[in-house]
Amino acid sequence: MAIVLEFTEIPALETENFHLRGMTLKDAPNMYSFMSDKETMKYITPHPIETVKELEASIKNSLENFKQQKEIPWVIINKQDEQVIGMFRFHKLHTWHQKTEMGVVIHKDFQQKGVMTEILPKILEFGFNTLGLNRMVGDIFADNKGSKKLMEKFGFHKDGILRETDIDGERFYDTVVYSMLKSEYQEGGPMKSRGEISLAD
C-alpha cells in the first residue's frame, strides 16, 4: 500500500540549534554561496551551478517535484543568527515503494561541526514515523569519508559499491550505497551509541 503525503506545505522540523523549513525561491541568493562552491560540492557533482538564475530553476524543479510527491526540499537554518547554512532533501521519493534517497549540502563554514549529527535523528524520525517510509538511502562518493562515517555511526547498512558511477571530466568515482529500513530503525533507533559520535559532516 502506498504512503500518502497529507500535507500541502513542506513541514518544518526543529532541533536544538537548527531549523529546517521548506525551500523557496527567495532562498536562492543565500544558497548560492555553498551550492556554487566547487570544493563544497565535490562529493555531489563536478559541475556545480554557476548563476543564481540557474539555482532558481533548480529550486523550481524541486518544488514541482514536491507537488508531485517525488521530493521534499528543506533549507537548514542556524537558529543563532537565522543564516541559511545548508540544504537537505528527500529525493527520488517513491510513495508506492515507501522509500527515498537523502541529499545534503552544508556550507563550508559549518562542515565538521556536527550539523548532520544533530539533524539526522529528526530526519529519520520524520521519514519513518511521520511519512511511514520503509527504506531511506544515502548514496555517497567513495572518497567522502565524513559522510560514510556518519552513515555507519547511525547504524546504516552498507549495501555495496557501485563502480565508477560518476566522472568529473577526468576521473571516475565509485558510489557507496547505505540504507536503513524501518524495522532496523524501530529495533535500535538512529543512534545506539549517541554519546560516542564525533565525526566530520
N, C-alpha and C. Protein backbone atom coordinates (compact mmCIF):
# COMPACT_ATOMS: atom_id res chain seq x y z
N MET A 1 0.83 -1.19 0.00
CA MET A 1 0.00 0.00 0.00
C MET A 1 0.88 1.26 0.00
N ALA A 2 0.56 2.20 -0.86
CA ALA A 2 1.35 3.43 -0.95
C ALA A 2 1.13 4.30 0.27
N ILE A 3 2.18 5.02 0.68
CA ILE A 3 2.02 6.01 1.73
C ILE A 3 1.36 7.25 1.13
N VAL A 4 0.70 8.04 1.96
CA VAL A 4 0.01 9.23 1.49
C VAL A 4 0.59 10.45 2.20
N LEU A 5 1.08 11.40 1.41
CA LEU A 5 1.58 12.65 1.98
C LEU A 5 0.40 13.59 2.13
N GLU A 6 -0.03 13.80 3.36
CA GLU A 6 -1.27 14.54 3.61
C GLU A 6 -1.06 16.04 3.77
N PHE A 7 0.18 16.52 3.65
CA PHE A 7 0.44 17.95 3.80
C PHE A 7 0.62 18.61 2.44
N THR A 8 0.20 19.87 2.35
CA THR A 8 0.34 20.62 1.10
C THR A 8 1.54 21.58 1.15
N GLU A 9 2.06 21.81 2.35
CA GLU A 9 3.26 22.61 2.52
C GLU A 9 4.34 21.76 3.16
N ILE A 10 5.59 22.09 2.89
CA ILE A 10 6.70 21.31 3.43
C ILE A 10 6.75 21.50 4.95
N PRO A 11 6.66 20.43 5.72
CA PRO A 11 6.65 20.56 7.19
C PRO A 11 7.98 21.10 7.72
N ALA A 12 7.90 21.92 8.74
CA ALA A 12 9.10 22.42 9.41
C ALA A 12 9.57 21.40 10.44
N LEU A 13 10.89 21.28 10.58
CA LEU A 13 11.50 20.39 11.56
C LEU A 13 12.42 21.20 12.45
N GLU A 14 12.47 20.86 13.73
CA GLU A 14 13.26 21.63 14.69
C GLU A 14 14.23 20.72 15.44
N THR A 15 15.45 21.22 15.65
CA THR A 15 16.38 20.60 16.59
C THR A 15 16.83 21.70 17.54
N GLU A 16 17.73 21.39 18.43
CA GLU A 16 18.14 22.38 19.42
C GLU A 16 18.74 23.62 18.77
N ASN A 17 19.58 23.43 17.78
CA ASN A 17 20.32 24.56 17.20
C ASN A 17 19.93 24.90 15.77
N PHE A 18 19.09 24.08 15.16
CA PHE A 18 18.79 24.27 13.74
C PHE A 18 17.30 24.15 13.46
N HIS A 19 16.91 24.83 12.41
CA HIS A 19 15.53 24.84 11.96
C HIS A 19 15.52 24.45 10.49
N LEU A 20 14.72 23.46 10.13
CA LEU A 20 14.55 23.07 8.74
C LEU A 20 13.17 23.53 8.28
N ARG A 21 13.14 24.35 7.23
CA ARG A 21 11.86 24.77 6.67
C ARG A 21 11.88 24.56 5.17
N GLY A 22 10.69 24.60 4.59
CA GLY A 22 10.58 24.37 3.16
C GLY A 22 11.37 25.36 2.33
N MET A 23 12.05 24.87 1.34
CA MET A 23 12.84 25.70 0.43
C MET A 23 11.91 26.58 -0.41
N THR A 24 12.34 27.82 -0.67
CA THR A 24 11.58 28.73 -1.54
C THR A 24 12.53 29.40 -2.52
N LEU A 25 11.97 30.04 -3.53
CA LEU A 25 12.79 30.76 -4.50
C LEU A 25 13.59 31.89 -3.84
N LYS A 26 13.06 32.46 -2.77
CA LYS A 26 13.74 33.55 -2.08
C LYS A 26 15.04 33.10 -1.43
N ASP A 27 15.21 31.78 -1.27
CA ASP A 27 16.43 31.25 -0.66
C ASP A 27 17.61 31.19 -1.63
N ALA A 28 17.34 31.37 -2.91
CA ALA A 28 18.39 31.20 -3.92
C ALA A 28 19.64 32.03 -3.67
N PRO A 29 19.54 33.33 -3.38
CA PRO A 29 20.77 34.11 -3.16
C PRO A 29 21.60 33.60 -1.98
N ASN A 30 20.95 33.19 -0.89
CA ASN A 30 21.68 32.67 0.26
C ASN A 30 22.26 31.28 0.00
N MET A 31 21.55 30.47 -0.74
CA MET A 31 22.03 29.13 -1.06
C MET A 31 23.17 29.15 -2.06
N TYR A 32 23.21 30.19 -2.87
CA TYR A 32 24.21 30.24 -3.95
C TYR A 32 25.63 30.14 -3.42
N SER A 33 25.90 30.70 -2.24
CA SER A 33 27.26 30.73 -1.70
C SER A 33 27.83 29.33 -1.51
N PHE A 34 26.98 28.36 -1.16
CA PHE A 34 27.51 27.00 -0.99
C PHE A 34 27.16 26.07 -2.16
N MET A 35 26.06 26.31 -2.82
CA MET A 35 25.70 25.45 -3.95
C MET A 35 26.59 25.67 -5.17
N SER A 36 27.26 26.82 -5.23
CA SER A 36 28.14 27.12 -6.36
C SER A 36 29.61 26.84 -6.05
N ASP A 37 29.91 26.50 -4.80
CA ASP A 37 31.29 26.31 -4.37
C ASP A 37 31.80 24.92 -4.78
N LYS A 38 32.82 24.88 -5.58
CA LYS A 38 33.29 23.61 -6.14
C LYS A 38 33.82 22.68 -5.07
N GLU A 39 34.51 23.23 -4.07
CA GLU A 39 35.05 22.38 -3.00
C GLU A 39 33.92 21.78 -2.17
N THR A 40 32.91 22.58 -1.86
CA THR A 40 31.76 22.09 -1.10
C THR A 40 31.00 21.02 -1.86
N MET A 41 30.91 21.18 -3.17
CA MET A 41 30.10 20.28 -4.00
C MET A 41 30.88 19.11 -4.58
N LYS A 42 32.14 18.96 -4.21
CA LYS A 42 32.99 17.98 -4.90
C LYS A 42 32.51 16.54 -4.75
N TYR A 43 31.79 16.22 -3.65
CA TYR A 43 31.28 14.87 -3.48
C TYR A 43 29.85 14.71 -3.97
N ILE A 44 29.35 15.74 -4.64
CA ILE A 44 27.98 15.71 -5.14
C ILE A 44 27.95 15.81 -6.66
N THR A 45 28.67 16.80 -7.19
CA THR A 45 28.74 16.97 -8.64
C THR A 45 30.02 17.68 -9.02
N PRO A 46 30.63 17.31 -10.13
CA PRO A 46 31.81 18.02 -10.60
C PRO A 46 31.46 19.33 -11.29
N HIS A 47 30.16 19.57 -11.50
CA HIS A 47 29.72 20.76 -12.21
C HIS A 47 28.65 21.50 -11.41
N PRO A 48 29.04 22.21 -10.34
CA PRO A 48 28.05 22.95 -9.55
C PRO A 48 27.43 24.09 -10.34
N ILE A 49 26.32 24.61 -9.84
CA ILE A 49 25.64 25.69 -10.53
C ILE A 49 26.55 26.92 -10.66
N GLU A 50 26.29 27.74 -11.67
CA GLU A 50 27.17 28.88 -11.93
C GLU A 50 26.49 30.23 -11.73
N THR A 51 25.15 30.25 -11.68
CA THR A 51 24.43 31.52 -11.52
C THR A 51 23.24 31.33 -10.57
N VAL A 52 22.80 32.45 -9.99
CA VAL A 52 21.61 32.41 -9.13
C VAL A 52 20.39 31.99 -9.95
N LYS A 53 20.33 32.44 -11.17
CA LYS A 53 19.21 32.08 -12.04
C LYS A 53 19.14 30.57 -12.25
N GLU A 54 20.29 29.96 -12.43
CA GLU A 54 20.35 28.50 -12.59
C GLU A 54 19.86 27.81 -11.32
N LEU A 55 20.25 28.36 -10.17
CA LEU A 55 19.80 27.80 -8.90
C LEU A 55 18.30 27.96 -8.73
N GLU A 56 17.76 29.09 -9.14
CA GLU A 56 16.31 29.31 -9.07
C GLU A 56 15.56 28.26 -9.89
N ALA A 57 16.10 27.93 -11.05
CA ALA A 57 15.47 26.91 -11.89
C ALA A 57 15.50 25.55 -11.19
N SER A 58 16.61 25.27 -10.50
CA SER A 58 16.71 24.01 -9.76
C SER A 58 15.70 23.96 -8.61
N ILE A 59 15.54 25.09 -7.91
CA ILE A 59 14.57 25.15 -6.81
C ILE A 59 13.15 24.97 -7.34
N LYS A 60 12.84 25.62 -8.46
CA LYS A 60 11.52 25.46 -9.07
C LYS A 60 11.25 23.99 -9.38
N ASN A 61 12.26 23.31 -9.88
CA ASN A 61 12.11 21.89 -10.21
C ASN A 61 11.85 21.07 -8.94
N SER A 62 12.58 21.39 -7.86
CA SER A 62 12.37 20.68 -6.60
C SER A 62 10.97 20.92 -6.06
N LEU A 63 10.48 22.16 -6.15
CA LEU A 63 9.15 22.47 -5.64
C LEU A 63 8.06 21.81 -6.49
N GLU A 64 8.30 21.69 -7.77
CA GLU A 64 7.35 20.98 -8.63
C GLU A 64 7.35 19.49 -8.29
N ASN A 65 8.55 18.95 -8.01
CA ASN A 65 8.63 17.55 -7.59
C ASN A 65 7.90 17.33 -6.26
N PHE A 66 7.96 18.33 -5.38
CA PHE A 66 7.23 18.21 -4.12
C PHE A 66 5.73 18.12 -4.38
N LYS A 67 5.21 18.95 -5.27
CA LYS A 67 3.79 18.90 -5.60
C LYS A 67 3.39 17.52 -6.14
N GLN A 68 4.34 16.87 -6.83
CA GLN A 68 4.07 15.55 -7.38
C GLN A 68 4.44 14.42 -6.41
N GLN A 69 4.79 14.80 -5.18
CA GLN A 69 5.15 13.85 -4.12
C GLN A 69 6.36 13.01 -4.50
N LYS A 70 7.34 13.66 -5.14
CA LYS A 70 8.57 12.99 -5.52
C LYS A 70 9.79 13.51 -4.77
N GLU A 71 9.60 14.57 -3.98
CA GLU A 71 10.74 15.20 -3.32
C GLU A 71 10.23 16.07 -2.17
N ILE A 72 11.06 16.21 -1.13
CA ILE A 72 10.80 17.18 -0.06
C ILE A 72 12.09 17.96 0.18
N PRO A 73 12.15 19.23 -0.24
CA PRO A 73 13.37 20.02 -0.08
C PRO A 73 13.29 21.02 1.08
N TRP A 74 14.32 21.01 1.92
CA TRP A 74 14.40 21.95 3.04
C TRP A 74 15.67 22.81 2.92
N VAL A 75 15.64 23.97 3.55
CA VAL A 75 16.88 24.69 3.85
C VAL A 75 17.16 24.50 5.34
N ILE A 76 18.44 24.50 5.69
CA ILE A 76 18.87 24.35 7.08
C ILE A 76 19.26 25.73 7.60
N ILE A 77 18.64 26.15 8.68
CA ILE A 77 18.86 27.49 9.22
C ILE A 77 19.49 27.39 10.60
N ASN A 78 20.56 28.13 10.80
CA ASN A 78 21.21 28.22 12.10
C ASN A 78 20.39 29.15 12.99
N LYS A 79 19.86 28.66 14.09
CA LYS A 79 18.99 29.46 14.94
C LYS A 79 19.71 30.66 15.55
N GLN A 80 21.00 30.55 15.73
CA GLN A 80 21.74 31.62 16.40
C GLN A 80 21.68 32.94 15.64
N ASP A 81 21.76 32.87 14.31
CA ASP A 81 21.75 34.11 13.52
C ASP A 81 20.77 34.06 12.35
N GLU A 82 19.95 32.99 12.28
CA GLU A 82 18.96 32.81 11.21
C GLU A 82 19.60 32.71 9.83
N GLN A 83 20.86 32.32 9.77
CA GLN A 83 21.57 32.18 8.50
C GLN A 83 21.24 30.82 7.86
N VAL A 84 21.02 30.82 6.54
CA VAL A 84 20.85 29.58 5.80
C VAL A 84 22.23 28.96 5.62
N ILE A 85 22.44 27.80 6.24
CA ILE A 85 23.78 27.19 6.23
C ILE A 85 23.82 25.87 5.46
N GLY A 86 22.71 25.50 4.83
CA GLY A 86 22.73 24.27 4.05
C GLY A 86 21.35 23.92 3.52
N MET A 87 21.30 22.80 2.85
CA MET A 87 20.03 22.28 2.36
C MET A 87 20.01 20.78 2.57
N PHE A 88 18.80 20.25 2.75
CA PHE A 88 18.59 18.81 2.89
C PHE A 88 17.34 18.47 2.11
N ARG A 89 17.35 17.30 1.46
CA ARG A 89 16.15 16.92 0.73
C ARG A 89 15.98 15.41 0.70
N PHE A 90 14.74 14.99 0.70
CA PHE A 90 14.37 13.65 0.30
C PHE A 90 14.14 13.73 -1.21
N HIS A 91 14.88 12.98 -1.99
CA HIS A 91 14.65 12.96 -3.43
C HIS A 91 14.51 11.50 -3.89
N LYS A 92 14.06 11.34 -5.09
CA LYS A 92 13.66 10.02 -5.58
C LYS A 92 12.68 9.39 -4.58
N LEU A 93 11.81 10.24 -4.05
CA LEU A 93 10.79 9.80 -3.10
C LEU A 93 9.74 8.98 -3.85
N HIS A 94 9.47 7.79 -3.37
CA HIS A 94 8.53 6.89 -4.04
C HIS A 94 7.49 6.44 -3.03
N THR A 95 6.26 6.96 -3.17
CA THR A 95 5.23 6.67 -2.18
C THR A 95 4.74 5.22 -2.24
N TRP A 96 4.76 4.61 -3.41
CA TRP A 96 4.31 3.21 -3.51
C TRP A 96 5.32 2.27 -2.87
N HIS A 97 6.59 2.44 -3.21
CA HIS A 97 7.62 1.57 -2.65
C HIS A 97 8.09 2.03 -1.27
N GLN A 98 7.59 3.19 -0.84
CA GLN A 98 7.84 3.70 0.51
C GLN A 98 9.34 3.87 0.79
N LYS A 99 10.00 4.59 -0.12
CA LYS A 99 11.45 4.77 0.03
C LYS A 99 11.87 6.14 -0.47
N THR A 100 13.04 6.57 -0.07
CA THR A 100 13.60 7.83 -0.53
C THR A 100 15.12 7.78 -0.44
N GLU A 101 15.76 8.68 -1.17
CA GLU A 101 17.19 8.92 -1.02
C GLU A 101 17.36 10.28 -0.35
N MET A 102 18.48 10.43 0.35
CA MET A 102 18.76 11.66 1.07
C MET A 102 19.87 12.44 0.37
N GLY A 103 19.72 13.75 0.33
CA GLY A 103 20.76 14.61 -0.24
C GLY A 103 20.99 15.80 0.67
N VAL A 104 22.24 16.16 0.88
CA VAL A 104 22.55 17.27 1.79
C VAL A 104 23.76 18.04 1.28
N VAL A 105 23.72 19.36 1.48
CA VAL A 105 24.87 20.23 1.22
C VAL A 105 24.98 21.18 2.42
N ILE A 106 26.17 21.25 3.02
CA ILE A 106 26.41 22.12 4.16
C ILE A 106 27.46 23.16 3.78
N HIS A 107 27.20 24.41 4.13
CA HIS A 107 28.16 25.49 3.88
C HIS A 107 29.51 25.12 4.49
N LYS A 108 30.59 25.44 3.78
CA LYS A 108 31.92 25.03 4.23
C LYS A 108 32.26 25.54 5.63
N ASP A 109 31.71 26.68 6.04
CA ASP A 109 31.99 27.23 7.37
C ASP A 109 31.34 26.42 8.49
N PHE A 110 30.39 25.54 8.12
CA PHE A 110 29.68 24.75 9.12
C PHE A 110 29.95 23.26 9.00
N GLN A 111 30.86 22.88 8.12
CA GLN A 111 31.23 21.48 7.99
C GLN A 111 32.12 21.06 9.16
N GLN A 112 32.06 19.78 9.50
CA GLN A 112 32.85 19.20 10.60
C GLN A 112 32.51 19.85 11.94
N LYS A 113 31.26 20.31 12.08
CA LYS A 113 30.82 20.92 13.34
C LYS A 113 29.57 20.24 13.89
N GLY A 114 29.28 19.04 13.40
CA GLY A 114 28.19 18.27 13.97
C GLY A 114 26.80 18.64 13.53
N VAL A 115 26.67 19.38 12.43
CA VAL A 115 25.34 19.78 11.97
C VAL A 115 24.48 18.56 11.67
N MET A 116 24.99 17.65 10.85
CA MET A 116 24.20 16.48 10.48
C MET A 116 24.04 15.51 11.63
N THR A 117 24.99 15.48 12.56
CA THR A 117 24.84 14.63 13.73
C THR A 117 23.61 15.04 14.53
N GLU A 118 23.35 16.33 14.57
CA GLU A 118 22.17 16.84 15.30
C GLU A 118 20.90 16.68 14.48
N ILE A 119 20.97 16.89 13.18
CA ILE A 119 19.77 16.92 12.34
C ILE A 119 19.27 15.53 11.96
N LEU A 120 20.18 14.59 11.73
CA LEU A 120 19.77 13.30 11.18
C LEU A 120 18.77 12.54 12.04
N PRO A 121 18.87 12.53 13.38
CA PRO A 121 17.83 11.84 14.15
C PRO A 121 16.43 12.37 13.87
N LYS A 122 16.29 13.68 13.73
CA LYS A 122 14.99 14.28 13.42
C LYS A 122 14.52 13.88 12.03
N ILE A 123 15.45 13.85 11.08
CA ILE A 123 15.12 13.43 9.71
C ILE A 123 14.63 11.99 9.69
N LEU A 124 15.33 11.11 10.39
CA LEU A 124 14.94 9.70 10.41
C LEU A 124 13.58 9.51 11.09
N GLU A 125 13.37 10.22 12.18
CA GLU A 125 12.08 10.15 12.88
C GLU A 125 10.95 10.60 11.96
N PHE A 126 11.17 11.71 11.25
CA PHE A 126 10.15 12.21 10.33
C PHE A 126 9.90 11.22 9.19
N GLY A 127 10.98 10.70 8.62
CA GLY A 127 10.84 9.80 7.48
C GLY A 127 10.14 8.50 7.82
N PHE A 128 10.56 7.88 8.91
CA PHE A 128 9.99 6.57 9.26
C PHE A 128 8.66 6.69 10.00
N ASN A 129 8.57 7.61 10.96
CA ASN A 129 7.37 7.67 11.81
C ASN A 129 6.26 8.54 11.23
N THR A 130 6.62 9.69 10.66
CA THR A 130 5.59 10.59 10.13
C THR A 130 5.19 10.21 8.70
N LEU A 131 6.17 10.05 7.82
CA LEU A 131 5.85 9.69 6.44
C LEU A 131 5.49 8.22 6.30
N GLY A 132 6.04 7.38 7.16
CA GLY A 132 5.78 5.95 7.04
C GLY A 132 6.65 5.26 6.02
N LEU A 133 7.84 5.82 5.77
CA LEU A 133 8.76 5.20 4.82
C LEU A 133 9.27 3.86 5.36
N ASN A 134 9.65 2.98 4.44
CA ASN A 134 10.25 1.71 4.81
C ASN A 134 11.75 1.69 4.61
N ARG A 135 12.26 2.55 3.71
CA ARG A 135 13.68 2.50 3.37
C ARG A 135 14.19 3.91 3.10
N MET A 136 15.33 4.25 3.71
CA MET A 136 15.98 5.53 3.46
C MET A 136 17.42 5.25 3.07
N VAL A 137 17.88 5.96 2.03
CA VAL A 137 19.16 5.64 1.39
C VAL A 137 20.08 6.85 1.34
N GLY A 138 21.36 6.59 1.55
CA GLY A 138 22.40 7.58 1.30
C GLY A 138 23.38 7.04 0.29
N ASP A 139 23.45 7.65 -0.88
CA ASP A 139 24.44 7.30 -1.91
C ASP A 139 25.61 8.26 -1.77
N ILE A 140 26.80 7.73 -1.56
CA ILE A 140 27.93 8.57 -1.18
C ILE A 140 29.14 8.27 -2.04
N PHE A 141 29.80 9.32 -2.52
CA PHE A 141 31.06 9.12 -3.24
C PHE A 141 32.03 8.38 -2.31
N ALA A 142 32.75 7.41 -2.86
CA ALA A 142 33.63 6.57 -2.05
C ALA A 142 34.68 7.37 -1.29
N ASP A 143 35.07 8.53 -1.79
CA ASP A 143 36.09 9.35 -1.12
C ASP A 143 35.53 10.19 0.01
N ASN A 144 34.21 10.23 0.16
CA ASN A 144 33.57 11.08 1.16
C ASN A 144 33.58 10.39 2.53
N LYS A 145 34.71 10.48 3.20
CA LYS A 145 34.91 9.75 4.45
C LYS A 145 33.99 10.25 5.56
N GLY A 146 33.73 11.56 5.60
CA GLY A 146 32.88 12.10 6.64
C GLY A 146 31.46 11.56 6.58
N SER A 147 30.88 11.54 5.37
CA SER A 147 29.50 11.05 5.22
C SER A 147 29.42 9.54 5.45
N LYS A 148 30.45 8.82 5.02
CA LYS A 148 30.48 7.37 5.28
C LYS A 148 30.49 7.10 6.78
N LYS A 149 31.28 7.86 7.50
CA LYS A 149 31.35 7.70 8.95
C LYS A 149 30.02 8.03 9.60
N LEU A 150 29.36 9.06 9.09
CA LEU A 150 28.04 9.44 9.61
C LEU A 150 27.05 8.30 9.44
N MET A 151 26.98 7.72 8.25
CA MET A 151 26.07 6.62 7.98
C MET A 151 26.33 5.44 8.91
N GLU A 152 27.59 5.11 9.06
CA GLU A 152 27.96 3.94 9.86
C GLU A 152 27.68 4.17 11.35
N LYS A 153 27.94 5.37 11.83
CA LYS A 153 27.68 5.68 13.23
C LYS A 153 26.19 5.64 13.57
N PHE A 154 25.36 5.97 12.58
CA PHE A 154 23.92 5.97 12.81
C PHE A 154 23.30 4.60 12.55
N GLY A 155 24.12 3.64 12.21
CA GLY A 155 23.62 2.28 12.04
C GLY A 155 23.09 1.95 10.67
N PHE A 156 23.43 2.74 9.65
CA PHE A 156 23.01 2.42 8.29
C PHE A 156 23.77 1.18 7.81
N HIS A 157 23.11 0.39 6.99
CA HIS A 157 23.71 -0.82 6.42
C HIS A 157 24.43 -0.48 5.11
N LYS A 158 25.63 -0.96 4.97
CA LYS A 158 26.37 -0.77 3.71
C LYS A 158 25.91 -1.82 2.71
N ASP A 159 25.12 -1.37 1.74
CA ASP A 159 24.56 -2.30 0.76
C ASP A 159 25.59 -2.75 -0.27
N GLY A 160 26.51 -1.87 -0.60
CA GLY A 160 27.52 -2.24 -1.59
C GLY A 160 28.11 -1.04 -2.30
N ILE A 161 28.97 -1.32 -3.27
CA ILE A 161 29.66 -0.27 -4.02
C ILE A 161 29.25 -0.35 -5.48
N LEU A 162 28.82 0.79 -6.03
CA LEU A 162 28.54 0.90 -7.47
C LEU A 162 29.79 1.47 -8.12
N ARG A 163 30.38 0.72 -8.99
CA ARG A 163 31.69 1.09 -9.53
C ARG A 163 31.61 2.16 -10.62
N GLU A 164 32.45 3.18 -10.47
CA GLU A 164 32.65 4.22 -11.48
C GLU A 164 31.32 4.77 -12.01
N THR A 165 30.51 5.27 -11.09
CA THR A 165 29.20 5.79 -11.48
C THR A 165 29.23 7.23 -11.97
N ASP A 166 30.27 7.99 -11.60
CA ASP A 166 30.33 9.41 -11.95
C ASP A 166 31.73 9.79 -12.41
N ILE A 167 31.80 10.85 -13.22
CA ILE A 167 33.07 11.33 -13.72
C ILE A 167 33.13 12.84 -13.56
N ASP A 168 34.29 13.36 -13.21
CA ASP A 168 34.46 14.80 -13.04
C ASP A 168 35.10 15.45 -14.27
N GLY A 169 35.15 14.70 -15.36
CA GLY A 169 35.79 15.18 -16.57
C GLY A 169 37.12 14.49 -16.81
N GLU A 170 37.70 13.99 -15.72
CA GLU A 170 38.98 13.30 -15.82
C GLU A 170 38.97 11.94 -15.13
N ARG A 171 38.34 11.86 -13.98
CA ARG A 171 38.41 10.67 -13.15
C ARG A 171 37.01 10.13 -12.87
N PHE A 172 36.88 8.80 -12.86
CA PHE A 172 35.63 8.15 -12.48
C PHE A 172 35.62 7.90 -10.97
N TYR A 173 34.41 7.96 -10.37
CA TYR A 173 34.26 7.76 -8.93
C TYR A 173 33.27 6.64 -8.64
N ASP A 174 33.60 5.83 -7.63
CA ASP A 174 32.67 4.81 -7.14
C ASP A 174 31.66 5.46 -6.19
N THR A 175 30.48 4.85 -6.09
CA THR A 175 29.46 5.28 -5.13
C THR A 175 29.20 4.17 -4.13
N VAL A 176 29.21 4.52 -2.85
CA VAL A 176 28.89 3.57 -1.79
C VAL A 176 27.44 3.80 -1.37
N VAL A 177 26.66 2.73 -1.34
CA VAL A 177 25.23 2.82 -1.03
C VAL A 177 24.98 2.34 0.40
N TYR A 178 24.38 3.22 1.21
CA TYR A 178 23.98 2.88 2.57
C TYR A 178 22.46 2.96 2.67
N SER A 179 21.87 2.11 3.50
CA SER A 179 20.42 2.17 3.69
C SER A 179 20.05 1.83 5.12
N MET A 180 18.89 2.33 5.52
CA MET A 180 18.28 1.93 6.79
C MET A 180 16.82 1.59 6.52
N LEU A 181 16.37 0.48 7.09
CA LEU A 181 14.98 0.06 6.97
C LEU A 181 14.21 0.46 8.22
N LYS A 182 12.90 0.59 8.06
CA LYS A 182 12.06 0.98 9.19
C LYS A 182 12.20 -0.01 10.34
N SER A 183 12.28 -1.30 10.03
CA SER A 183 12.41 -2.31 11.08
C SER A 183 13.70 -2.13 11.85
N GLU A 184 14.78 -1.75 11.16
CA GLU A 184 16.06 -1.51 11.83
C GLU A 184 15.99 -0.26 12.71
N TYR A 185 15.32 0.76 12.21
CA TYR A 185 15.15 1.98 12.98
C TYR A 185 14.36 1.71 14.27
N GLN A 186 13.30 0.92 14.13
CA GLN A 186 12.46 0.62 15.29
C GLN A 186 13.18 -0.26 16.31
N GLU A 187 14.05 -1.12 15.83
CA GLU A 187 14.77 -2.01 16.73
C GLU A 187 15.81 -1.28 17.57
N GLY A 188 16.54 -0.35 16.93
CA GLY A 188 17.64 0.26 17.65
C GLY A 188 17.65 1.76 17.68
N GLY A 189 16.75 2.41 16.93
CA GLY A 189 16.80 3.86 16.84
C GLY A 189 17.96 4.29 15.96
N PRO A 190 18.04 5.56 15.65
CA PRO A 190 19.05 6.04 14.73
C PRO A 190 20.46 5.97 15.28
N MET A 191 20.64 6.09 16.60
CA MET A 191 21.97 6.03 17.19
C MET A 191 21.92 5.14 18.43
N LYS A 192 22.63 4.04 18.37
CA LYS A 192 22.67 3.14 19.51
C LYS A 192 23.72 3.59 20.53
N SER A 193 24.58 4.51 20.10
CA SER A 193 25.63 5.00 21.00
C SER A 193 25.76 6.50 20.82
N ARG A 194 24.67 7.22 21.12
CA ARG A 194 24.59 8.66 20.88
C ARG A 194 25.80 9.41 21.42
N GLY A 195 26.26 9.06 22.62
CA GLY A 195 27.34 9.80 23.25
C GLY A 195 28.70 9.56 22.63
N GLU A 196 28.82 8.60 21.75
CA GLU A 196 30.13 8.25 21.19
C GLU A 196 30.40 8.89 19.85
N ILE A 197 29.43 9.67 19.33
CA ILE A 197 29.57 10.20 17.99
C ILE A 197 30.49 11.41 17.97
N SER A 198 31.47 11.36 17.10
CA SER A 198 32.35 12.50 16.85
C SER A 198 32.86 12.35 15.45
N LEU A 199 32.40 13.19 14.53
CA LEU A 199 32.73 12.95 13.13
C LEU A 199 32.69 14.22 12.31
N ALA A 200 33.20 14.10 11.12
CA ALA A 200 33.17 15.21 10.16
C ALA A 200 31.94 15.06 9.30
N ASP A 201 31.14 16.11 9.24
CA ASP A 201 29.99 16.09 8.34
C ASP A 201 29.87 17.43 7.66
